[in-house]
Amino acid sequence: DYSTAGSGSAVDGVVCAGGITPLGAAIMGAQEDLKDVAGNIALIIVSDGLDNGTASLDAATKALDAFGDRLCVYPVLVGDAPAGRQLMEPSKARCPAPMAA
């Protein structure tokens, strides 16, 4: 049953993650999962853009190289950290060729 006190204590128990993100590994995993897909592909990356190092950008670049103009990468920023915004701003979307809906 729902209760305000119960909801508040559940939220208080959530621990935020920290450290270097495994986003690069996730992108490489997506590339592997999608290797046999025909047609256009959209990769939507939802992240705060923080603690990425170069692994996530390297992985996205490799995926773009592997799929060519069939792949569009769309970043979605979560949070408001300036460093994350710089990496994840919408203008960072990579779409080699326009895709029809």
N, C-alpha and C. Protein backbone atom coordinates (compact mmCIF):
# COMPACT_ATOMS: atom_id res chain seq x y z
N ASP A 1 0.83 -1.19 0.00
CA ASP A 1 0.00 0.00 0.00
C ASP A 1 0.87 1.25 0.00
N TYR A 2 0.41 2.26 -0.68
CA TYR A 2 1.15 3.51 -0.77
C TYR A 2 1.00 4.32 0.50
N SER A 3 2.10 4.90 0.93
CA SER A 3 2.07 5.90 2.00
C SER A 3 3.17 6.91 1.76
N THR A 4 2.91 8.15 2.13
CA THR A 4 3.91 9.20 1.95
C THR A 4 5.17 8.88 2.72
N ALA A 5 5.02 8.44 3.96
CA ALA A 5 6.19 8.11 4.79
C ALA A 5 6.97 6.95 4.18
N GLY A 6 6.27 5.95 3.69
CA GLY A 6 6.93 4.80 3.08
C GLY A 6 7.69 5.18 1.82
N SER A 7 7.10 6.05 1.02
CA SER A 7 7.77 6.50 -0.21
C SER A 7 9.02 7.30 0.13
N GLY A 8 8.91 8.16 1.13
CA GLY A 8 10.06 8.96 1.54
C GLY A 8 11.19 8.10 2.06
N SER A 9 10.89 7.09 2.84
CA SER A 9 11.96 6.24 3.37
C SER A 9 12.57 5.37 2.26
N ALA A 10 11.78 5.01 1.27
CA ALA A 10 12.32 4.24 0.14
C ALA A 10 13.31 5.08 -0.66
N VAL A 11 12.97 6.34 -0.91
CA VAL A 11 13.85 7.23 -1.65
C VAL A 11 15.11 7.51 -0.84
N ASP A 12 14.97 7.68 0.47
CA ASP A 12 16.13 7.94 1.32
C ASP A 12 17.13 6.78 1.29
N GLY A 13 16.66 5.59 0.98
CA GLY A 13 17.53 4.43 0.96
C GLY A 13 18.30 4.24 -0.34
N VAL A 14 18.02 5.05 -1.35
CA VAL A 14 18.69 4.94 -2.64
C VAL A 14 20.10 5.53 -2.53
N VAL A 15 21.08 4.76 -2.95
CA VAL A 15 22.46 5.21 -2.93
C VAL A 15 22.88 5.55 -4.36
N CYS A 16 23.43 6.74 -4.53
CA CYS A 16 23.86 7.16 -5.86
C CYS A 16 25.10 6.40 -6.28
N ALA A 17 25.15 6.07 -7.54
CA ALA A 17 26.33 5.40 -8.09
C ALA A 17 27.46 6.41 -8.22
N GLY A 18 28.65 5.91 -8.38
CA GLY A 18 29.79 6.80 -8.55
C GLY A 18 30.91 6.07 -9.25
N GLY A 19 31.92 6.82 -9.67
CA GLY A 19 33.07 6.22 -10.32
C GLY A 19 32.98 6.30 -11.82
N ILE A 20 33.94 5.67 -12.47
CA ILE A 20 33.99 5.68 -13.93
C ILE A 20 32.82 4.86 -14.48
N THR A 21 32.13 5.42 -15.44
CA THR A 21 30.97 4.76 -16.02
C THR A 21 31.38 3.64 -16.98
N PRO A 22 30.63 2.59 -17.05
CA PRO A 22 30.89 1.54 -18.05
C PRO A 22 30.21 1.83 -19.39
N LEU A 23 29.95 3.09 -19.69
CA LEU A 23 29.23 3.46 -20.90
C LEU A 23 29.94 2.98 -22.15
N GLY A 24 31.26 3.07 -22.19
CA GLY A 24 32.01 2.60 -23.35
C GLY A 24 31.76 1.12 -23.61
N ALA A 25 31.78 0.33 -22.54
CA ALA A 25 31.51 -1.10 -22.68
C ALA A 25 30.08 -1.34 -23.16
N ALA A 26 29.14 -0.53 -22.68
CA ALA A 26 27.74 -0.68 -23.10
C ALA A 26 27.58 -0.37 -24.59
N ILE A 27 28.27 0.67 -25.06
CA ILE A 27 28.19 1.02 -26.48
C ILE A 27 28.80 -0.09 -27.33
N MET A 28 29.93 -0.62 -26.88
CA MET A 28 30.54 -1.73 -27.62
C MET A 28 29.63 -2.96 -27.61
N GLY A 29 28.95 -3.20 -26.50
CA GLY A 29 27.99 -4.30 -26.43
C GLY A 29 26.83 -4.09 -27.39
N ALA A 30 26.36 -2.85 -27.47
CA ALA A 30 25.27 -2.54 -28.41
C ALA A 30 25.73 -2.76 -29.85
N GLN A 31 26.97 -2.38 -30.13
CA GLN A 31 27.51 -2.60 -31.48
C GLN A 31 27.51 -4.09 -31.81
N GLU A 32 27.92 -4.90 -30.86
CA GLU A 32 27.92 -6.35 -31.07
C GLU A 32 26.50 -6.88 -31.26
N ASP A 33 25.57 -6.41 -30.43
CA ASP A 33 24.18 -6.85 -30.53
C ASP A 33 23.54 -6.47 -31.86
N LEU A 34 23.96 -5.34 -32.42
CA LEU A 34 23.32 -4.81 -33.62
C LEU A 34 24.04 -5.17 -34.92
N LYS A 35 25.12 -5.92 -34.83
CA LYS A 35 25.96 -6.17 -36.01
C LYS A 35 25.21 -6.83 -37.17
N ASP A 36 24.19 -7.61 -36.89
CA ASP A 36 23.47 -8.31 -37.95
C ASP A 36 22.16 -7.62 -38.34
N VAL A 37 21.91 -6.45 -37.79
CA VAL A 37 20.67 -5.72 -38.08
C VAL A 37 20.80 -5.04 -39.44
N ALA A 38 19.77 -5.17 -40.23
CA ALA A 38 19.73 -4.51 -41.53
C ALA A 38 19.00 -3.17 -41.38
N GLY A 39 19.34 -2.22 -42.21
CA GLY A 39 18.65 -0.93 -42.20
C GLY A 39 19.29 0.06 -41.25
N ASN A 40 18.59 1.16 -41.02
CA ASN A 40 19.09 2.24 -40.19
C ASN A 40 19.01 1.88 -38.71
N ILE A 41 19.93 2.44 -37.93
CA ILE A 41 20.03 2.16 -36.50
C ILE A 41 20.15 3.48 -35.75
N ALA A 42 19.42 3.62 -34.66
CA ALA A 42 19.55 4.77 -33.77
C ALA A 42 20.08 4.26 -32.44
N LEU A 43 21.13 4.90 -31.95
CA LEU A 43 21.70 4.59 -30.64
C LEU A 43 21.44 5.79 -29.75
N ILE A 44 20.58 5.61 -28.75
CA ILE A 44 20.21 6.69 -27.85
C ILE A 44 21.00 6.49 -26.56
N ILE A 45 21.84 7.46 -26.22
CA ILE A 45 22.69 7.37 -25.05
C ILE A 45 22.15 8.32 -23.98
N VAL A 46 21.73 7.77 -22.86
CA VAL A 46 21.22 8.55 -21.74
C VAL A 46 22.29 8.53 -20.66
N SER A 47 22.82 9.71 -20.33
CA SER A 47 23.93 9.79 -19.38
C SER A 47 24.01 11.17 -18.77
N ASP A 48 24.72 11.25 -17.63
CA ASP A 48 25.02 12.57 -17.07
C ASP A 48 26.27 13.16 -17.70
N GLY A 49 26.96 12.36 -18.52
CA GLY A 49 28.14 12.83 -19.22
C GLY A 49 29.38 12.97 -18.35
N LEU A 50 29.30 12.51 -17.12
CA LEU A 50 30.41 12.65 -16.19
C LEU A 50 31.20 11.36 -16.06
N ASP A 51 32.45 11.47 -15.67
CA ASP A 51 33.32 10.33 -15.39
C ASP A 51 33.37 9.35 -16.56
N ASN A 52 33.45 9.87 -17.77
CA ASN A 52 33.47 9.02 -18.96
C ASN A 52 34.87 8.72 -19.47
N GLY A 53 35.85 9.52 -19.12
CA GLY A 53 37.16 9.34 -19.73
C GLY A 53 37.00 9.45 -21.24
N THR A 54 37.77 8.68 -21.98
CA THR A 54 37.63 8.70 -23.44
C THR A 54 36.97 7.43 -23.96
N ALA A 55 36.73 6.46 -23.09
CA ALA A 55 36.20 5.16 -23.54
C ALA A 55 34.86 5.27 -24.24
N SER A 56 33.95 6.11 -23.72
CA SER A 56 32.63 6.19 -24.34
C SER A 56 32.70 6.88 -25.70
N LEU A 57 33.49 7.94 -25.81
CA LEU A 57 33.64 8.60 -27.12
C LEU A 57 34.34 7.69 -28.11
N ASP A 58 35.36 6.97 -27.65
CA ASP A 58 36.06 6.03 -28.52
C ASP A 58 35.11 4.94 -29.02
N ALA A 59 34.27 4.42 -28.12
CA ALA A 59 33.32 3.37 -28.49
C ALA A 59 32.28 3.89 -29.48
N ALA A 60 31.79 5.10 -29.25
CA ALA A 60 30.81 5.69 -30.17
C ALA A 60 31.43 5.90 -31.55
N THR A 61 32.68 6.35 -31.58
CA THR A 61 33.38 6.54 -32.85
C THR A 61 33.55 5.21 -33.58
N LYS A 62 33.91 4.17 -32.86
CA LYS A 62 34.07 2.84 -33.47
C LYS A 62 32.74 2.34 -34.02
N ALA A 63 31.65 2.58 -33.27
CA ALA A 63 30.33 2.15 -33.75
C ALA A 63 29.96 2.91 -35.02
N LEU A 64 30.22 4.22 -35.04
CA LEU A 64 29.94 5.01 -36.25
C LEU A 64 30.77 4.51 -37.42
N ASP A 65 32.03 4.18 -37.17
CA ASP A 65 32.88 3.64 -38.23
C ASP A 65 32.35 2.29 -38.73
N ALA A 66 31.88 1.45 -37.80
CA ALA A 66 31.41 0.11 -38.17
C ALA A 66 30.11 0.15 -38.97
N PHE A 67 29.20 1.04 -38.60
CA PHE A 67 27.88 1.06 -39.24
C PHE A 67 27.76 2.11 -40.33
N GLY A 68 28.72 3.00 -40.42
CA GLY A 68 28.68 4.03 -41.46
C GLY A 68 27.44 4.90 -41.35
N ASP A 69 26.87 5.24 -42.49
CA ASP A 69 25.74 6.17 -42.48
C ASP A 69 24.42 5.53 -42.08
N ARG A 70 24.46 4.27 -41.63
CA ARG A 70 23.23 3.63 -41.13
C ARG A 70 22.97 3.95 -39.66
N LEU A 71 23.96 4.52 -38.96
CA LEU A 71 23.85 4.74 -37.51
C LEU A 71 23.74 6.22 -37.17
N CYS A 72 22.77 6.55 -36.34
CA CYS A 72 22.67 7.87 -35.73
C CYS A 72 22.83 7.70 -34.23
N VAL A 73 23.66 8.55 -33.62
CA VAL A 73 23.88 8.53 -32.18
C VAL A 73 23.24 9.78 -31.60
N TYR A 74 22.30 9.60 -30.68
CA TYR A 74 21.59 10.70 -30.05
C TYR A 74 21.90 10.73 -28.55
N PRO A 75 22.59 11.77 -28.07
CA PRO A 75 22.85 11.88 -26.63
C PRO A 75 21.67 12.55 -25.91
N VAL A 76 21.33 12.03 -24.74
CA VAL A 76 20.29 12.61 -23.89
C VAL A 76 20.93 12.88 -22.53
N LEU A 77 20.99 14.15 -22.14
CA LEU A 77 21.63 14.55 -20.89
C LEU A 77 20.69 14.38 -19.71
N VAL A 78 21.21 13.77 -18.66
CA VAL A 78 20.50 13.67 -17.39
C VAL A 78 21.31 14.47 -16.38
N GLY A 79 20.70 15.46 -15.76
CA GLY A 79 21.42 16.29 -14.80
C GLY A 79 21.80 17.63 -15.41
N ASP A 80 22.54 18.40 -14.62
CA ASP A 80 22.87 19.76 -15.08
C ASP A 80 24.34 20.13 -14.87
N ALA A 81 25.20 19.15 -14.74
CA ALA A 81 26.62 19.43 -14.55
C ALA A 81 27.20 20.03 -15.85
N PRO A 82 27.90 21.16 -15.76
CA PRO A 82 28.46 21.78 -16.97
C PRO A 82 29.36 20.84 -17.78
N ALA A 83 30.19 20.05 -17.12
CA ALA A 83 31.07 19.12 -17.85
C ALA A 83 30.25 18.07 -18.60
N GLY A 84 29.19 17.59 -17.98
CA GLY A 84 28.31 16.62 -18.64
C GLY A 84 27.58 17.24 -19.81
N ARG A 85 27.15 18.48 -19.62
CA ARG A 85 26.44 19.18 -20.69
C ARG A 85 27.34 19.36 -21.91
N GLN A 86 28.60 19.66 -21.68
CA GLN A 86 29.55 19.85 -22.78
C GLN A 86 29.67 18.58 -23.62
N LEU A 87 29.72 17.42 -22.97
CA LEU A 87 29.85 16.15 -23.68
C LEU A 87 28.54 15.71 -24.33
N MET A 88 27.42 15.94 -23.65
CA MET A 88 26.16 15.34 -24.06
C MET A 88 25.18 16.30 -24.74
N GLU A 89 25.56 17.54 -24.99
CA GLU A 89 24.61 18.47 -25.57
C GLU A 89 24.08 17.95 -26.90
N PRO A 90 22.84 18.31 -27.22
CA PRO A 90 22.21 17.78 -28.44
C PRO A 90 23.02 18.01 -29.71
N SER A 91 23.81 19.08 -29.77
CA SER A 91 24.60 19.31 -30.98
C SER A 91 25.68 18.26 -31.17
N LYS A 92 25.89 17.42 -30.14
CA LYS A 92 26.88 16.35 -30.25
C LYS A 92 26.29 15.12 -30.95
N ALA A 93 25.03 15.18 -31.33
CA ALA A 93 24.42 14.06 -32.05
C ALA A 93 25.21 13.80 -33.33
N ARG A 94 25.42 12.55 -33.63
CA ARG A 94 26.17 12.17 -34.82
C ARG A 94 25.24 11.39 -35.73
N CYS A 95 24.93 11.99 -36.83
CA CYS A 95 24.02 11.37 -37.78
C CYS A 95 24.59 11.63 -39.18
N PRO A 96 25.35 10.66 -39.71
CA PRO A 96 26.01 10.87 -41.00
C PRO A 96 25.05 11.20 -42.15
N ALA A 97 23.84 10.64 -42.11
CA ALA A 97 22.88 10.90 -43.18
C ALA A 97 21.49 11.01 -42.58
N PRO A 98 20.64 11.90 -43.09
CA PRO A 98 19.28 11.99 -42.55
C PRO A 98 18.54 10.66 -42.69
N MET A 99 17.75 10.35 -41.69
CA MET A 99 16.97 9.10 -41.71
C MET A 99 15.51 9.40 -41.87
N ALA A 100 14.85 8.64 -42.70
CA ALA A 100 13.41 8.76 -42.88
C ALA A 100 12.71 8.06 -41.73
N ALA A 101 11.59 8.60 -41.33
CA ALA A 101 10.83 7.99 -40.23
C ALA A 101 10.17 6.71 -40.68
